[in-house]
Amino acid sequence: MTALEVSKYFLRKIDKESFELYDNGISNLKMQKLLFFAQQTFFSVYNKPLFKEDMEAWQLGPVVPKVYHHYKIYGRNNIDIFQENLQIDNLDWNIMMILDFVYLKYAKYTAYALVDITHSLPCWINNINKKIPLNAIYSETIKNEFLNFKKELNTISELNIDI
């Protein structure tokens, strides 16, 4: 999977009616943080990267340069979901669970709140203006949060409760 495909998954989660009425979307800056948390969660749970692209520690936090350059035409504005091709090939269930977990946990925050979170992490602090090594993003806390999330979903599914 590529980081751009992950970004498309997040963009597909935006309610189009809400976007048109309230411009309620995701900026490039916010997307970069969501990509970081997706990579961190997947790596922490499965001990392998979600996407192959490297992440770098830029001034405003972790960035996947290829995705940054793809969306930089939007500047500080939200990415226009109507202008982007959001087609994604088949996604593995485990990947979708990770991405949904990340979206539910972090998408509610502003881009700058997410910047503040990433600026407190040693993987960013120790790698400013450099590539962030995968082993530096591992988080036992995130792993446990995701496993609890997955367990709760399985319980709801077993009880046949509509969500």
C-alpha atoms as a PDB file:
ATOM      1  CA  MET A   1       0.000   0.000   0.000  1.00  0.00           C
ATOM      2  CA  THR A   2       1.209   3.534  -0.674  1.00  0.00           C
ATOM      3  CA  ALA A   3       0.896   6.564   1.565  1.00  0.00           C
ATOM      4  CA  LEU A   4      -1.183   8.260  -1.148  1.00  0.00           C
ATOM      5  CA  GLU A   5      -3.677   5.369  -1.022  1.00  0.00           C
ATOM      6  CA  VAL A   6      -3.887   5.765   2.747  1.00  0.00           C
ATOM      7  CA  SER A   7      -4.583   9.482   2.276  1.00  0.00           C
ATOM      8  CA  LYS A   8      -7.364   8.650  -0.199  1.00  0.00           C
ATOM      9  CA  TYR A   9      -8.965   6.344   2.369  1.00  0.00           C
ATOM     10  CA  PHE A  10      -9.055   9.200   4.884  1.00  0.00           C
ATOM     11  CA  LEU A  11     -10.472  11.604   2.287  1.00  0.00           C
ATOM     12  CA  ARG A  12     -13.214   9.103   1.426  1.00  0.00           C
ATOM     13  CA  LYS A  13     -14.375   9.238   5.054  1.00  0.00           C
ATOM     14  CA  ILE A  14     -15.354  12.902   4.716  1.00  0.00           C
ATOM     15  CA  ASP A  15     -19.093  13.422   4.423  1.00  0.00           C
ATOM     16  CA  LYS A  16     -19.568  15.152   1.061  1.00  0.00           C
ATOM     17  CA  GLU A  17     -22.653  17.070   2.204  1.00  0.00           C
ATOM     18  CA  SER A  18     -20.831  18.289   5.292  1.00  0.00           C
ATOM     19  CA  PHE A  19     -17.844  19.257   3.155  1.00  0.00           C
ATOM     20  CA  GLU A  20     -19.987  21.333   0.799  1.00  0.00           C
ATOM     21  CA  LEU A  21     -21.876  23.076   3.602  1.00  0.00           C
ATOM     22  CA  TYR A  22     -19.150  23.623   6.161  1.00  0.00           C
ATOM     23  CA  ASP A  23     -15.830  22.997   4.365  1.00  0.00           C
ATOM     24  CA  ASN A  24     -15.258  20.293   6.943  1.00  0.00           C
ATOM     25  CA  GLY A  25     -12.258  18.451   5.528  1.00  0.00           C
ATOM     26  CA  ILE A  26      -8.596  17.660   5.828  1.00  0.00           C
ATOM     27  CA  SER A  27      -5.733  19.989   4.964  1.00  0.00           C
ATOM     28  CA  ASN A  28      -2.361  18.747   3.753  1.00  0.00           C
ATOM     29  CA  LEU A  29      -0.912  19.494   7.198  1.00  0.00           C
ATOM     30  CA  LYS A  30      -3.585  17.458   8.939  1.00  0.00           C
ATOM     31  CA  MET A  31      -3.224  14.662   6.377  1.00  0.00           C
ATOM     32  CA  GLN A  32       0.470  14.387   7.169  1.00  0.00           C
ATOM     33  CA  LYS A  33      -0.300  13.839  10.836  1.00  0.00           C
ATOM     34  CA  LEU A  34      -2.994  11.251  10.053  1.00  0.00           C
ATOM     35  CA  LEU A  35      -0.462   9.417   7.880  1.00  0.00           C
ATOM     36  CA  PHE A  36       2.031   9.467  10.736  1.00  0.00           C
ATOM     37  CA  PHE A  37      -0.488   8.022  13.198  1.00  0.00           C
ATOM     38  CA  ALA A  38      -1.566   5.380  10.663  1.00  0.00           C
ATOM     39  CA  GLN A  39       2.041   4.311  10.119  1.00  0.00           C
ATOM     40  CA  GLN A  40       2.742   4.385  13.851  1.00  0.00           C
ATOM     41  CA  THR A  41      -0.315   2.304  14.724  1.00  0.00           C
ATOM     42  CA  PHE A  42       0.207  -0.270  11.986  1.00  0.00           C
ATOM     43  CA  PHE A  43       3.905  -0.639  12.784  1.00  0.00           C
ATOM     44  CA  SER A  44       3.223  -0.900  16.518  1.00  0.00           C
ATOM     45  CA  VAL A  45       0.611  -3.635  16.001  1.00  0.00           C
ATOM     46  CA  TYR A  46       2.114  -5.650  13.129  1.00  0.00           C
ATOM     47  CA  ASN A  47       5.827  -4.764  13.356  1.00  0.00           C
ATOM     48  CA  LYS A  48       5.947  -3.845   9.662  1.00  0.00           C
ATOM     49  CA  PRO A  49       5.233  -0.607   7.792  1.00  0.00           C
ATOM     50  CA  LEU A  50       1.775   0.187   6.451  1.00  0.00           C
ATOM     51  CA  PHE A  51       3.255   2.074   3.509  1.00  0.00           C
ATOM     52  CA  LYS A  52       6.710   1.982   1.982  1.00  0.00           C
ATOM     53  CA  GLU A  53       7.452   5.712   1.759  1.00  0.00           C
ATOM     54  CA  ASP A  54       9.781   7.262   4.310  1.00  0.00           C
ATOM     55  CA  MET A  55       8.586   9.894   6.733  1.00  0.00           C
ATOM     56  CA  GLU A  56      10.680  12.941   7.529  1.00  0.00           C
ATOM     57  CA  ALA A  57      10.650  15.223  10.562  1.00  0.00           C
ATOM     58  CA  TRP A  58       9.844  18.655   9.132  1.00  0.00           C
ATOM     59  CA  GLN A  59       9.244  21.891  11.026  1.00  0.00           C
ATOM     60  CA  LEU A  60       5.527  21.183  11.579  1.00  0.00           C
ATOM     61  CA  GLY A  61       5.925  17.490  12.335  1.00  0.00           C
ATOM     62  CA  PRO A  62       6.229  14.221  10.437  1.00  0.00           C
ATOM     63  CA  VAL A  63       5.699  14.398   6.663  1.00  0.00           C
ATOM     64  CA  VAL A  64       5.578  11.945   3.774  1.00  0.00           C
ATOM     65  CA  PRO A  65       7.199  14.175   1.113  1.00  0.00           C
ATOM     66  CA  LYS A  66       5.557  12.474  -1.889  1.00  0.00           C
ATOM     67  CA  VAL A  67       2.066  12.999  -0.423  1.00  0.00           C
ATOM     68  CA  TYR A  68       2.917  16.533   0.679  1.00  0.00           C
ATOM     69  CA  HIS A  69       3.904  17.456  -2.888  1.00  0.00           C
ATOM     70  CA  HIS A  70       0.768  15.823  -4.299  1.00  0.00           C
ATOM     71  CA  TYR A  71      -1.529  17.975  -2.121  1.00  0.00           C
ATOM     72  CA  LYS A  72       0.531  21.186  -1.847  1.00  0.00           C
ATOM     73  CA  ILE A  73      -1.602  22.841  -4.552  1.00  0.00           C
ATOM     74  CA  TYR A  74      -4.252  23.336  -1.849  1.00  0.00           C
ATOM     75  CA  GLY A  75      -1.917  25.364   0.356  1.00  0.00           C
ATOM     76  CA  ARG A  76      -3.417  25.741   3.840  1.00  0.00           C
ATOM     77  CA  ASN A  77      -6.907  24.950   2.584  1.00  0.00           C
ATOM     78  CA  ASN A  78      -8.607  21.611   2.875  1.00  0.00           C
ATOM     79  CA  ILE A  79      -7.960  19.083   0.135  1.00  0.00           C
ATOM     80  CA  ASP A  80     -10.798  19.270  -2.389  1.00  0.00           C
ATOM     81  CA  ILE A  81     -12.349  15.807  -2.339  1.00  0.00           C
ATOM     82  CA  PHE A  82     -14.266  16.607  -5.513  1.00  0.00           C
ATOM     83  CA  GLN A  83     -11.056  17.302  -7.465  1.00  0.00           C
ATOM     84  CA  GLU A  84      -9.145  14.236  -6.290  1.00  0.00           C
ATOM     85  CA  ASN A  85      -9.384  10.700  -7.641  1.00  0.00           C
ATOM     86  CA  LEU A  86     -10.261   8.754  -4.501  1.00  0.00           C
ATOM     87  CA  GLN A  87     -10.309   5.320  -6.128  1.00  0.00           C
ATOM     88  CA  ILE A  88      -8.640   2.666  -3.973  1.00  0.00           C
ATOM     89  CA  ASP A  89      -8.150  -0.957  -4.894  1.00  0.00           C
ATOM     90  CA  ASN A  90      -9.201  -3.693  -2.494  1.00  0.00           C
ATOM     91  CA  LEU A  91      -8.135  -3.046   1.073  1.00  0.00           C
ATOM     92  CA  ASP A  92      -7.382  -5.697   3.635  1.00  0.00           C
ATOM     93  CA  TRP A  93      -9.776  -5.754   6.611  1.00  0.00           C
ATOM     94  CA  ASN A  94      -6.901  -5.348   9.111  1.00  0.00           C
ATOM     95  CA  ILE A  95      -5.682  -2.239   7.302  1.00  0.00           C
ATOM     96  CA  MET A  96      -9.178  -0.727   7.273  1.00  0.00           C
ATOM     97  CA  MET A  97      -9.497  -1.355  11.015  1.00  0.00           C
ATOM     98  CA  ILE A  98      -6.227   0.467  11.677  1.00  0.00           C
ATOM     99  CA  LEU A  99      -7.224   3.382   9.434  1.00  0.00           C
ATOM    100  CA  ASP A 100     -10.674   3.644  11.001  1.00  0.00           C
ATOM    101  CA  PHE A 101      -9.113   3.597  14.475  1.00  0.00           C
ATOM    102  CA  VAL A 102      -6.726   6.409  13.491  1.00  0.00           C
ATOM    103  CA  TYR A 103      -9.490   8.440  11.858  1.00  0.00           C
ATOM    104  CA  LEU A 104     -11.802   8.112  14.878  1.00  0.00           C
ATOM    105  CA  LYS A 105      -9.018   8.931  17.319  1.00  0.00           C
ATOM    106  CA  TYR A 106      -7.324  11.853  15.521  1.00  0.00           C
ATOM    107  CA  ALA A 107      -9.448  13.370  12.726  1.00  0.00           C
ATOM    108  CA  LYS A 108     -11.552  15.302  15.236  1.00  0.00           C
ATOM    109  CA  TYR A 109      -8.526  17.455  16.136  1.00  0.00           C
ATOM    110  CA  THR A 110      -7.312  20.492  14.230  1.00  0.00           C
ATOM    111  CA  ALA A 111      -4.114  20.264  12.232  1.00  0.00           C
ATOM    112  CA  TYR A 112      -2.280  22.386  14.790  1.00  0.00           C
ATOM    113  CA  ALA A 113      -3.476  20.275  17.724  1.00  0.00           C
ATOM    114  CA  LEU A 114      -2.010  17.277  15.888  1.00  0.00           C
ATOM    115  CA  VAL A 115       1.204  19.234  15.303  1.00  0.00           C
ATOM    116  CA  ASP A 116       1.414  19.800  19.061  1.00  0.00           C
ATOM    117  CA  ILE A 117       0.966  16.070  19.689  1.00  0.00           C
ATOM    118  CA  THR A 118       3.660  15.055  17.215  1.00  0.00           C
ATOM    119  CA  HIS A 119       6.035  17.739  18.507  1.00  0.00           C
ATOM    120  CA  SER A 120       5.984  16.042  21.905  1.00  0.00           C
ATOM    121  CA  LEU A 121       7.160  12.713  20.477  1.00  0.00           C
ATOM    122  CA  PRO A 122      10.831  11.683  20.648  1.00  0.00           C
ATOM    123  CA  CYS A 123      10.695  10.332  17.079  1.00  0.00           C
ATOM    124  CA  TRP A 124      10.134  13.896  15.851  1.00  0.00           C
ATOM    125  CA  ILE A 125      12.337  15.670  18.408  1.00  0.00           C
ATOM    126  CA  ASN A 126      15.326  13.400  17.739  1.00  0.00           C
ATOM    127  CA  ASN A 127      15.079  13.488  13.945  1.00  0.00           C
ATOM    128  CA  ILE A 128      14.396  17.106  12.963  1.00  0.00           C
ATOM    129  CA  ASN A 129      15.140  17.598   9.241  1.00  0.00           C
ATOM    130  CA  LYS A 130      15.925  13.898   8.841  1.00  0.00           C
ATOM    131  CA  LYS A 131      14.193  10.662   7.937  1.00  0.00           C
ATOM    132  CA  ILE A 132      12.288   9.174  10.890  1.00  0.00           C
ATOM    133  CA  PRO A 133      13.388   5.564  11.449  1.00  0.00           C
ATOM    134  CA  LEU A 134      10.510   3.099  11.681  1.00  0.00           C
ATOM    135  CA  ASN A 135      11.699   1.662  14.978  1.00  0.00           C
ATOM    136  CA  ALA A 136      11.501   5.183  16.476  1.00  0.00           C
ATOM    137  CA  ILE A 137       7.707   5.385  15.991  1.00  0.00           C
ATOM    138  CA  TYR A 138       6.808   2.176  17.843  1.00  0.00           C
ATOM    139  CA  SER A 139       4.351   2.771  20.694  1.00  0.00           C
ATOM    140  CA  GLU A 140       3.181   0.108  23.122  1.00  0.00           C
ATOM    141  CA  THR A 141       0.446   2.522  24.274  1.00  0.00           C
ATOM    142  CA  ILE A 142      -0.948   2.940  20.749  1.00  0.00           C
ATOM    143  CA  LYS A 143      -0.735  -0.823  20.202  1.00  0.00           C
ATOM    144  CA  ASN A 144      -2.780  -1.478  23.351  1.00  0.00           C
ATOM    145  CA  GLU A 145      -5.329   1.223  22.481  1.00  0.00           C
ATOM    146  CA  PHE A 146      -5.858  -0.336  19.059  1.00  0.00           C
ATOM    147  CA  LEU A 147      -6.149  -3.876  20.455  1.00  0.00           C
ATOM    148  CA  ASN A 148      -8.795  -2.653  22.930  1.00  0.00           C
ATOM    149  CA  PHE A 149     -10.637  -0.903  20.089  1.00  0.00           C
ATOM    150  CA  LYS A 150     -10.567  -4.103  18.025  1.00  0.00           C
ATOM    151  CA  LYS A 151     -11.768  -6.150  21.011  1.00  0.00           C
ATOM    152  CA  GLU A 152     -14.708  -3.773  21.550  1.00  0.00           C
ATOM    153  CA  LEU A 153     -15.673  -4.012  17.869  1.00  0.00           C
ATOM    154  CA  ASN A 154     -15.551  -7.793  18.022  1.00  0.00           C
ATOM    155  CA  THR A 155     -17.774  -7.766  21.109  1.00  0.00           C
ATOM    156  CA  ILE A 156     -20.321  -5.525  19.384  1.00  0.00           C
ATOM    157  CA  SER A 157     -20.210  -7.766  16.325  1.00  0.00           C
ATOM    158  CA  GLU A 158     -20.762 -10.906  18.424  1.00  0.00           C
ATOM    159  CA  LEU A 159     -23.766  -9.299  20.112  1.00  0.00           C
ATOM    160  CA  ASN A 160     -25.214  -8.344  16.690  1.00  0.00           C
ATOM    161  CA  ILE A 161     -25.546  -4.711  17.737  1.00  0.00           C
ATOM    162  CA  ASP A 162     -25.891  -2.246  14.872  1.00  0.00           C
ATOM    163  CA  ILE A 163     -23.261   0.470  14.889  1.00  0.00           C
END
